[in-house]
Amino acid sequence: MKNGNPFSQESKLMCMKKYFVCFIVLLCVFPLKAQTNPEPCGYMQEVEKILKKQPNFLTWQNAMIQSAMSEYADLQSAKRRIVADTLFYQIPVVFHVLYNDSLNENINISYIYSQLEELNLAFRKMTADTQRIRPVFKDIAADVRIQFVLANKDPDGNPTTGITRTYTTKTTFATNIYGAYNDDMKYTGRGGKSAWNPTRYLNIWTCNMRFPNQVSMTLGFATPPTGAPNWWGNVTKDSTDIESGVVLHYSIVGRDNPLAISNNVEGKTAIHEVGHYLGLRHVWGDGNTQTGCTVDDGIFDTPNSRTRNYSCNKTSPPNSCIDAVNDLPDQTENYMDYSLDGCAAMFTKQQAYLMRYVLNNFRTGLPYREITHDTVFDNTSIEMYPNPLRHGQDLKLQISSPDKKQFTVQIIDISGKQLLRQTVNSNTVEAVSISGLANSVYFVIISDTDNRVLERKKLLIL
């Protein structure tokens, strides 16, 4: 391949003699090459961009993950009155919808609501897909305790729906048939939409990521958290780069989007990419088939995997790396593998802790984040029934407490909006009316008069 020429001199002569045959071969080869599946996730492209700016990024990232896992281990053995691992976070989100084709790319608001719901169900371990989790992994599947809400104020303090819509002259943001892309969608002056303050909002761009006439593409990508002490103006606490956020191909936004390509109808790509945004690597550690078992994602409760899995293979589950101790199969049901639709259903406890660690140490500026400690009260118990609850019934609460006379009850929806707030007396059965609430999943938050949270319970209304 001297001088970059893929053909030898002998090949050239043969092709000259048999020009027609060579022409037919080329016609066959290049369409096949064009259909080669690129990586559906652009995470490694983003990492490569960071490495060009900061060659020590992976060293810093390894240290960050190791620090989080060490802290996690310490907390597991600590005795405490405050249950610190029930911290609860709300992250404001803005969707920037970019469209050239107004019929398809200017996605309906229902798909955005659906995507937000899928994010919340996944991060709160409330999706019905949890039935896919194999018994060997059920005990480590986690409620991440992170919830996403559409922003209600823009950067200038004005009311907003949390959605922007921008016409673009660009027909695609892909740059070749192999899944490469540019960052123009993140700049108003380059045919996109500039980010809202990335320290205060999770920016999610939706746009066309398909190269013309190609079936496969990069479906999404995210910027991992950064913040090494010597980076970009000594940014030590937050990722302030205006490119920080998540990008999604427009047709895979939401669950059951009729425009979605095959095997991408469950809204799982956004969950995967937000995992990257909050510090998670792929479960196989981004190694290849030769080195895969020697690299890791840094998370101990995700089994070692040689490479990506694209399907569950339920009849013969893969176990691509054999560990000497506590050998487990590949965790294909993890959101950070590629086996998403039909498989993905969980984050692990340690993945959950790492994402919260990132919020506490690197993405610290999100303004609507709530960190609430669930407090242990001695000799206090709660009964809440019926659950599930049907329309026409009142929710019954009995809080038995020798020390507290009154408690506050809140009901919030999956987006974090408070729908009801009521004071109830302890040591008696109190009725809470759910009149006007739609059939859905809610959270019931019970706190004392000092706003210390006693309990969070899921409530299903049928």
Protein backbone atom coordinates (compact mmCIF):
# COMPACT_ATOMS: atom_id res chain seq x y z
CA MET A 1 0.00 0.00 0.00
CA LYS A 2 2.84 2.35 -0.81
CA ASN A 3 1.80 5.99 -1.21
CA GLY A 4 -1.64 5.03 0.04
CA ASN A 5 -2.46 3.03 -3.15
CA PRO A 6 -4.52 -0.06 -2.25
CA PHE A 7 -3.72 -1.76 -5.59
CA SER A 8 -0.40 -3.35 -6.53
CA GLN A 9 1.12 -2.79 -10.00
CA GLU A 10 0.05 -6.30 -11.00
CA SER A 11 -3.49 -5.51 -9.92
CA LYS A 12 -3.50 -2.40 -12.05
CA LEU A 13 -2.43 -4.35 -15.14
CA MET A 14 -5.04 -7.00 -14.52
CA CYS A 15 -7.68 -4.38 -14.01
CA MET A 16 -6.68 -2.69 -17.30
CA LYS A 17 -7.03 -6.01 -19.09
CA LYS A 18 -10.29 -6.81 -17.38
CA TYR A 19 -11.68 -3.32 -16.87
CA PHE A 20 -15.28 -4.40 -17.00
CA VAL A 21 -14.78 -7.06 -14.34
CA CYS A 22 -12.96 -4.61 -12.04
CA PHE A 23 -15.70 -2.06 -12.52
CA ILE A 24 -18.32 -4.59 -11.43
CA VAL A 25 -16.20 -5.55 -8.40
CA LEU A 26 -15.91 -1.93 -7.34
CA LEU A 27 -19.63 -1.47 -7.66
CA CYS A 28 -20.10 -4.42 -5.33
CA VAL A 29 -17.42 -3.50 -2.80
CA PHE A 30 -18.27 0.11 -2.14
CA PRO A 31 -21.99 -0.34 -1.41
CA LEU A 32 -21.06 -3.12 1.00
CA LYS A 33 -18.54 -0.84 2.66
CA ALA A 34 -21.14 1.87 2.89
CA GLN A 35 -23.45 -0.43 4.80
CA THR A 36 -20.80 -1.34 7.38
CA ASN A 37 -22.36 -0.60 10.75
CA PRO A 38 -20.62 2.28 12.50
CA GLU A 39 -20.59 2.59 16.26
CA PRO A 40 -24.15 3.64 17.20
CA CYS A 41 -22.68 5.60 20.12
CA GLY A 42 -20.14 8.36 19.50
CA TYR A 43 -18.61 8.22 22.99
CA MET A 44 -15.14 7.23 21.81
CA GLN A 45 -15.13 9.99 19.20
CA GLU A 46 -15.78 12.43 22.05
CA VAL A 47 -13.00 10.88 24.14
CA GLU A 48 -10.58 11.23 21.22
CA LYS A 49 -11.42 14.94 20.97
CA ILE A 50 -10.74 15.40 24.69
CA LEU A 51 -7.44 13.52 24.45
CA LYS A 52 -6.23 15.97 21.82
CA LYS A 53 -6.76 18.80 24.30
CA GLN A 54 -5.72 16.89 27.41
CA PRO A 55 -3.65 13.73 26.83
CA ASN A 56 -4.02 12.75 30.50
CA PHE A 57 -7.81 12.52 30.36
CA LEU A 58 -7.99 8.73 30.74
CA THR A 59 -5.56 8.83 33.66
CA TRP A 60 -7.71 11.48 35.32
CA GLN A 61 -10.90 9.55 34.54
CA ASN A 62 -9.46 6.35 36.01
CA ALA A 63 -8.52 8.21 39.19
CA MET A 64 -11.99 9.76 39.40
CA ILE A 65 -13.72 6.39 39.06
CA GLN A 66 -11.34 4.79 41.57
CA SER A 67 -12.02 7.58 44.07
CA ALA A 68 -15.79 7.17 43.69
CA MET A 69 -15.60 3.41 44.14
CA SER A 70 -13.38 3.78 47.22
CA GLU A 71 -15.88 6.22 48.70
CA TYR A 72 -18.70 3.82 47.86
CA ALA A 73 -16.93 0.97 49.68
CA ASP A 74 -16.37 3.14 52.76
CA LEU A 75 -20.03 4.09 52.93
CA GLN A 76 -21.15 0.48 52.75
CA SER A 77 -19.36 -0.26 56.02
CA ALA A 78 -20.26 2.99 57.81
CA LYS A 79 -22.91 3.12 60.52
CA ARG A 80 -24.95 6.28 60.25
CA ARG A 81 -28.24 7.80 61.26
CA ILE A 82 -28.56 9.56 57.90
CA VAL A 83 -29.01 7.16 55.01
CA ALA A 84 -26.61 9.00 52.74
CA ASP A 85 -27.07 6.76 49.71
CA THR A 86 -30.64 7.96 49.23
CA LEU A 87 -29.62 11.39 47.98
CA PHE A 88 -32.12 12.60 45.41
CA TYR A 89 -31.35 14.85 42.46
CA GLN A 90 -33.40 16.81 39.93
CA ILE A 91 -31.67 17.91 36.75
CA PRO A 92 -33.22 20.57 34.48
CA VAL A 93 -33.21 19.61 30.80
CA VAL A 94 -33.56 21.64 27.63
CA PHE A 95 -34.24 19.93 24.30
CA HIS A 96 -32.89 21.80 21.27
CA VAL A 97 -34.84 20.51 18.25
CA LEU A 98 -33.05 21.18 14.95
CA TYR A 99 -34.89 20.52 11.71
CA ASN A 100 -34.43 20.91 7.99
CA ASP A 101 -37.31 18.58 7.17
CA SER A 102 -40.14 20.12 9.20
CA LEU A 103 -42.40 17.09 8.74
CA ASN A 104 -40.08 14.55 10.37
CA GLU A 105 -37.18 16.29 12.11
CA ASN A 106 -39.27 18.89 13.94
CA ILE A 107 -40.32 16.15 16.34
CA ASN A 108 -43.67 16.22 18.08
CA ILE A 109 -43.65 17.31 21.70
CA SER A 110 -45.19 13.97 22.67
CA TYR A 111 -41.94 12.19 21.74
CA ILE A 112 -39.98 14.57 23.97
CA TYR A 113 -42.35 13.92 26.88
CA SER A 114 -42.09 10.21 26.20
CA GLN A 115 -38.28 10.37 26.19
CA LEU A 116 -38.23 12.28 29.45
CA GLU A 117 -40.51 9.68 31.00
CA GLU A 118 -38.27 6.84 29.78
CA LEU A 119 -35.26 8.58 31.31
CA ASN A 120 -37.01 8.95 34.64
CA LEU A 121 -38.38 5.42 34.70
CA ALA A 122 -34.93 4.02 33.93
CA PHE A 123 -33.01 6.16 36.41
CA ARG A 124 -35.58 5.46 39.13
CA LYS A 125 -35.69 1.69 38.39
CA MET A 126 -39.41 1.89 37.69
CA THR A 127 -39.58 0.73 34.08
CA ALA A 128 -41.50 -2.46 33.37
CA ASP A 129 -38.39 -3.60 31.49
CA THR A 130 -36.81 -4.54 34.83
CA GLN A 131 -38.47 -7.93 34.35
CA ARG A 132 -35.68 -8.60 31.83
CA ILE A 133 -33.01 -8.55 34.55
CA ARG A 134 -31.69 -12.04 35.15
CA PRO A 135 -31.83 -13.33 38.75
CA VAL A 136 -28.05 -13.21 39.08
CA PHE A 137 -28.15 -9.40 38.65
CA LYS A 138 -31.44 -8.43 40.31
CA ASP A 139 -29.89 -7.60 43.70
CA ILE A 140 -27.46 -5.07 42.23
CA ALA A 141 -29.94 -3.26 39.96
CA ALA A 142 -30.21 0.29 41.31
CA ASP A 143 -32.56 3.17 41.70
CA VAL A 144 -30.10 5.89 40.66
CA ARG A 145 -32.22 8.54 42.42
CA ILE A 146 -31.69 11.04 39.63
CA GLN A 147 -34.73 12.59 38.00
CA PHE A 148 -34.98 14.84 34.94
CA VAL A 149 -37.39 17.75 34.52
CA LEU A 150 -37.93 20.11 31.60
CA ALA A 151 -36.49 23.49 32.49
CA ASN A 152 -39.14 26.05 33.44
CA LYS A 153 -36.88 29.10 33.17
CA ASP A 154 -34.45 30.01 30.41
CA PRO A 155 -30.97 31.44 31.10
CA ASP A 156 -32.44 34.98 31.33
CA GLY A 157 -35.01 33.92 33.91
CA ASN A 158 -37.96 33.92 31.51
CA PRO A 159 -40.60 31.17 31.55
CA THR A 160 -39.90 28.33 29.11
CA THR A 161 -41.25 24.96 28.06
CA GLY A 162 -37.72 23.54 28.14
CA ILE A 163 -37.84 23.05 24.35
CA THR A 164 -36.30 25.20 21.60
CA ARG A 165 -37.00 24.70 17.91
CA THR A 166 -34.60 25.92 15.22
CA TYR A 167 -34.74 25.59 11.44
CA THR A 168 -31.37 24.69 9.93
CA THR A 169 -30.18 24.78 6.35
CA LYS A 170 -28.07 21.71 7.09
CA THR A 171 -29.61 18.51 5.83
CA THR A 172 -27.39 16.38 8.08
CA PHE A 173 -24.70 16.71 10.73
CA ALA A 174 -22.99 13.48 9.65
CA THR A 175 -19.77 13.88 7.70
CA ASN A 176 -19.21 10.45 6.13
CA ILE A 177 -20.82 7.05 5.66
CA TYR A 178 -18.97 5.53 8.62
CA GLY A 179 -20.72 7.45 11.41
CA ALA A 180 -18.43 10.48 11.77
CA TYR A 181 -20.11 13.78 12.58
CA ASN A 182 -19.34 17.41 13.35
CA ASP A 183 -20.39 19.61 16.29
CA ASP A 184 -22.18 22.24 14.22
CA MET A 185 -25.50 21.38 15.89
CA LYS A 186 -24.15 23.05 19.05
CA TYR A 187 -23.48 26.46 17.48
CA THR A 188 -26.11 28.90 16.25
CA GLY A 189 -23.63 30.42 13.81
CA ARG A 190 -22.96 27.02 12.22
CA GLY A 191 -26.53 25.93 11.57
CA GLY A 192 -27.32 24.65 15.04
CA LYS A 193 -28.42 26.04 18.39
CA SER A 194 -25.95 27.27 20.99
CA ALA A 195 -26.17 25.62 24.38
CA TRP A 196 -27.87 27.09 27.38
CA ASN A 197 -25.43 27.47 30.27
CA PRO A 198 -24.06 23.89 30.56
CA THR A 199 -23.41 24.31 34.29
CA ARG A 200 -27.12 24.89 34.89
CA TYR A 201 -28.85 22.73 32.25
CA LEU A 202 -28.49 19.35 30.61
CA ASN A 203 -28.58 20.33 26.94
CA ILE A 204 -29.99 17.66 24.61
CA TRP A 205 -29.86 18.34 20.87
CA THR A 206 -32.02 16.36 18.42
CA CYS A 207 -31.04 16.51 14.77
CA ASN A 208 -30.36 14.44 11.66
CA MET A 209 -27.27 12.26 12.17
CA ARG A 210 -27.79 10.14 9.04
CA PHE A 211 -25.42 10.52 6.09
CA PRO A 212 -27.43 10.72 2.82
CA ASN A 213 -28.69 7.36 1.56
CA GLN A 214 -27.19 5.42 4.48
CA VAL A 215 -29.13 3.13 6.78
CA SER A 216 -26.69 2.93 9.70
CA MET A 217 -25.40 5.94 11.62
CA THR A 218 -24.25 7.27 14.98
CA LEU A 219 -27.51 7.40 16.93
CA GLY A 220 -26.21 9.59 19.73
CA PHE A 221 -23.20 10.88 21.59
CA ALA A 222 -22.44 12.63 24.87
CA THR A 223 -19.62 14.63 26.39
CA PRO A 224 -18.17 12.92 29.47
CA PRO A 225 -17.57 15.03 32.58
CA THR A 226 -14.22 16.77 32.76
CA GLY A 227 -12.51 18.79 35.43
CA ALA A 228 -8.90 17.87 36.02
CA PRO A 229 -7.25 20.70 38.05
CA ASN A 230 -5.12 21.99 35.17
CA TRP A 231 -7.84 22.08 32.53
CA TRP A 232 -9.13 25.06 30.57
CA GLY A 233 -8.74 27.93 32.97
CA ASN A 234 -8.46 25.83 36.12
CA VAL A 235 -12.00 24.51 35.90
CA THR A 236 -12.05 22.15 38.87
CA LYS A 237 -15.71 21.66 39.71
CA ASP A 238 -17.81 21.62 36.59
CA SER A 239 -17.83 20.94 32.87
CA THR A 240 -18.33 24.44 31.49
CA ASP A 241 -17.53 23.74 27.84
CA ILE A 242 -20.39 24.96 25.66
CA GLU A 243 -20.40 21.63 23.82
CA SER A 244 -21.29 19.75 27.01
CA GLY A 245 -24.48 17.71 26.63
CA VAL A 246 -26.13 14.94 24.63
CA VAL A 247 -26.98 14.67 20.93
CA LEU A 248 -29.64 12.28 19.59
CA HIS A 249 -30.71 11.34 16.09
CA TYR A 250 -34.23 12.74 15.77
CA SER A 251 -36.01 9.48 14.93
CA ILE A 252 -34.98 7.58 18.07
CA VAL A 253 -36.33 10.16 20.53
CA GLY A 254 -39.07 8.69 22.73
CA ARG A 255 -40.57 5.25 23.03
CA ASP A 256 -42.44 3.77 20.05
CA ASN A 257 -41.48 6.64 17.77
CA PRO A 258 -42.93 5.56 14.41
CA LEU A 259 -39.90 7.03 12.62
CA ALA A 260 -37.41 4.99 14.64
CA ILE A 261 -35.09 2.60 12.89
CA SER A 262 -35.25 -1.09 13.72
CA ASN A 263 -34.25 -2.07 17.26
CA ASN A 264 -34.30 1.52 18.48
CA VAL A 265 -37.91 2.06 19.49
CA GLU A 266 -37.60 1.95 23.28
CA GLY A 267 -35.94 5.31 23.93
CA LYS A 268 -32.87 3.54 25.34
CA THR A 269 -30.25 5.49 23.36
CA ALA A 270 -30.91 8.62 25.43
CA ILE A 271 -30.55 6.63 28.65
CA HIS A 272 -27.22 5.23 27.42
CA GLU A 273 -25.91 8.67 26.42
CA VAL A 274 -26.97 10.37 29.65
CA GLY A 275 -25.03 7.62 31.41
CA HIS A 276 -21.92 8.81 29.54
CA TYR A 277 -22.75 12.43 30.36
CA LEU A 278 -22.76 11.44 34.04
CA GLY A 279 -19.43 9.65 33.89
CA LEU A 280 -20.08 6.04 32.87
CA ARG A 281 -18.00 4.15 30.36
CA HIS A 282 -19.25 1.27 28.27
CA VAL A 283 -19.41 -1.91 30.35
CA TRP A 284 -16.66 -3.55 28.28
CA GLY A 285 -14.26 -0.70 29.09
CA ASP A 286 -13.95 0.23 25.41
CA GLY A 287 -11.36 -2.44 24.67
CA ASN A 288 -11.34 -4.57 21.54
CA THR A 289 -11.66 -8.31 21.03
CA GLN A 290 -7.92 -8.78 21.61
CA THR A 291 -7.51 -6.54 24.67
CA GLY A 292 -11.07 -6.49 26.01
CA CYS A 293 -10.61 -8.76 29.01
CA THR A 294 -7.59 -6.73 30.17
CA VAL A 295 -9.47 -3.40 30.33
CA ASP A 296 -12.47 -2.48 32.43
CA ASP A 297 -15.04 0.23 33.01
CA GLY A 298 -13.79 0.71 36.59
CA ILE A 299 -17.10 -0.50 38.07
CA PHE A 300 -16.78 -3.68 40.09
CA ASP A 301 -20.40 -4.86 39.86
CA THR A 302 -20.42 -4.87 36.05
CA PRO A 303 -18.78 -8.17 35.00
CA ASN A 304 -15.73 -8.05 32.78
CA SER A 305 -16.66 -8.22 29.07
CA ARG A 306 -14.40 -8.64 26.06
CA THR A 307 -16.35 -6.34 23.77
CA ARG A 308 -19.75 -4.86 23.02
CA ASN A 309 -22.90 -6.99 22.79
CA TYR A 310 -25.55 -6.05 20.26
CA SER A 311 -28.19 -8.52 21.48
CA CYS A 312 -29.16 -10.48 24.57
CA ASN A 313 -28.67 -13.92 23.03
CA LYS A 314 -31.07 -15.32 25.63
CA THR A 315 -30.72 -18.90 24.44
CA SER A 316 -26.95 -18.85 25.00
CA PRO A 317 -25.99 -15.81 27.14
CA PRO A 318 -22.46 -14.61 26.42
CA ASN A 319 -19.67 -14.90 28.97
CA SER A 320 -16.82 -13.37 27.02
CA CYS A 321 -14.32 -13.05 29.92
CA ILE A 322 -13.79 -15.86 32.41
CA ASP A 323 -12.82 -14.50 35.81
CA ALA A 324 -10.92 -16.60 38.33
CA VAL A 325 -13.22 -15.52 41.17
CA ASN A 326 -16.96 -14.90 41.04
CA ASP A 327 -17.22 -15.39 37.30
CA LEU A 328 -20.41 -13.92 35.87
CA PRO A 329 -21.85 -13.65 32.35
CA ASP A 330 -21.78 -10.44 30.35
CA GLN A 331 -24.32 -7.97 31.73
CA THR A 332 -26.23 -7.49 28.49
CA GLU A 333 -29.17 -5.96 30.37
CA ASN A 334 -27.00 -2.99 31.37
CA TYR A 335 -27.85 0.33 29.74
CA MET A 336 -24.16 0.89 29.01
CA ASP A 337 -23.82 -2.10 26.67
CA TYR A 338 -25.06 -1.91 23.06
CA SER A 339 -27.74 -4.56 23.55
CA LEU A 340 -30.42 -1.95 24.17
CA ASP A 341 -33.87 -2.74 22.73
CA GLY A 342 -35.22 -5.98 24.12
CA CYS A 343 -32.36 -6.24 26.63
CA ALA A 344 -31.42 -3.08 28.52
CA ALA A 345 -33.11 -2.65 31.88
CA MET A 346 -30.64 -1.62 34.58
CA PHE A 347 -27.85 0.42 36.04
CA THR A 348 -25.90 -1.22 38.86
CA LYS A 349 -25.52 0.15 42.38
CA GLN A 350 -21.95 1.23 41.75
CA GLN A 351 -22.79 2.83 38.41
CA ALA A 352 -25.52 4.75 40.25
CA TYR A 353 -23.07 5.90 42.89
CA LEU A 354 -20.56 7.06 40.29
CA MET A 355 -23.20 9.19 38.55
CA ARG A 356 -24.15 10.83 41.85
CA TYR A 357 -20.45 11.31 42.62
CA VAL A 358 -20.10 13.19 39.33
CA LEU A 359 -22.99 15.48 40.30
CA ASN A 360 -21.40 16.15 43.67
CA ASN A 361 -17.91 16.84 42.32
CA PHE A 362 -17.97 17.87 38.66
CA ARG A 363 -21.43 18.81 37.44
CA THR A 364 -22.15 20.75 40.59
CA GLY A 365 -23.94 23.77 39.18
CA LEU A 366 -27.27 22.31 38.10
CA PRO A 367 -29.62 24.65 39.99
CA TYR A 368 -32.69 22.49 40.48
CA ARG A 369 -30.78 19.54 41.82
CA GLU A 370 -32.27 18.43 45.12
CA ILE A 371 -30.16 16.57 47.63
CA THR A 372 -32.45 15.26 50.33
CA HIS A 373 -31.41 12.99 53.16
CA ASP A 374 -33.81 10.25 54.18
CA THR A 375 -33.66 10.43 57.97
CA VAL A 376 -34.08 7.44 60.27
CA PHE A 377 -36.65 8.08 63.01
CA ASP A 378 -36.72 5.76 65.99
CA ASN A 379 -39.99 3.97 66.73
CA THR A 380 -41.73 5.40 63.68
CA SER A 381 -43.54 3.27 61.12
CA ILE A 382 -45.66 3.98 58.05
CA GLU A 383 -48.52 2.08 56.50
CA MET A 384 -49.77 3.25 53.09
CA TYR A 385 -52.63 1.45 51.35
CA PRO A 386 -54.09 0.47 48.99
CA ASN A 387 -51.23 0.39 46.50
CA PRO A 388 -51.95 0.08 43.57
CA LEU A 389 -54.78 2.54 44.01
CA ARG A 390 -57.88 2.73 41.84
CA HIS A 391 -59.95 5.81 41.05
CA GLY A 392 -62.71 6.35 43.57
CA GLN A 393 -60.46 5.24 46.42
CA ASP A 394 -58.62 7.46 48.89
CA LEU A 395 -55.03 6.79 49.81
CA LYS A 396 -54.86 5.77 53.47
CA LEU A 397 -51.87 6.66 55.63
CA GLN A 398 -51.13 5.63 59.16
CA ILE A 399 -47.93 7.05 60.62
CA SER A 400 -47.17 5.69 64.06
CA SER A 401 -44.75 7.94 65.93
CA PRO A 402 -44.41 8.54 69.70
CA ASP A 403 -42.38 11.72 69.10
CA LYS A 404 -43.99 13.55 66.18
CA LYS A 405 -47.57 14.80 66.05
CA GLN A 406 -47.76 15.84 62.40
CA PHE A 407 -46.16 14.99 59.09
CA THR A 408 -46.35 16.45 55.57
CA VAL A 409 -47.38 14.32 52.62
CA GLN A 410 -46.46 15.26 49.03
CA ILE A 411 -47.37 13.50 45.81
CA ILE A 412 -45.13 14.24 42.83
CA ASP A 413 -45.28 12.93 39.28
CA ILE A 414 -42.55 11.25 37.27
CA SER A 415 -41.30 14.64 36.01
CA GLY A 416 -40.84 15.94 39.56
CA LYS A 417 -43.88 18.25 39.60
CA GLN A 418 -45.66 18.50 42.95
CA LEU A 419 -49.35 17.68 42.54
CA LEU A 420 -50.49 17.52 46.16
CA ARG A 421 -49.29 18.65 49.58
CA GLN A 422 -51.18 17.85 52.77
CA THR A 423 -50.51 17.82 56.51
CA VAL A 424 -51.54 14.64 58.32
CA ASN A 425 -51.65 13.71 61.99
CA SER A 426 -49.66 10.82 63.37
CA ASN A 427 -51.07 7.84 65.25
CA THR A 428 -54.32 7.83 63.31
CA VAL A 429 -55.56 6.76 59.88
CA GLU A 430 -55.62 9.72 57.51
CA ALA A 431 -57.23 9.84 54.05
CA VAL A 432 -55.52 11.54 51.12
CA SER A 433 -57.72 12.20 48.07
CA ILE A 434 -56.17 11.40 44.70
CA SER A 435 -59.07 12.89 42.75
CA GLY A 436 -57.86 14.37 39.46
CA LEU A 437 -54.67 12.32 39.20
CA ALA A 438 -54.28 10.33 35.98
CA ASN A 439 -53.37 6.65 35.80
CA SER A 440 -49.61 6.63 36.26
CA VAL A 441 -46.73 6.09 38.68
CA TYR A 442 -46.19 8.71 41.39
CA PHE A 443 -43.97 9.25 44.42
CA VAL A 444 -45.34 9.85 47.89
CA ILE A 445 -42.88 11.82 50.03
CA ILE A 446 -43.46 11.91 53.79
CA SER A 447 -41.50 14.43 55.88
CA ASP A 448 -41.66 15.92 59.34
CA THR A 449 -42.40 19.55 60.15
CA ASP A 450 -38.69 20.36 59.85
CA ASN A 451 -38.73 19.10 56.24
CA ARG A 452 -36.64 16.04 57.04
CA VAL A 453 -37.73 13.25 54.72
CA LEU A 454 -38.89 10.11 56.47
CA GLU A 455 -39.90 8.02 53.49
CA ARG A 456 -40.37 7.93 49.74
CA LYS A 457 -42.82 5.41 48.44
CA LYS A 458 -43.95 4.56 44.92
CA LEU A 459 -47.67 4.82 44.27
CA LEU A 460 -49.39 3.29 41.25
CA ILE A 461 -52.79 4.60 40.24
CA LEU A 462 -54.78 2.34 37.94
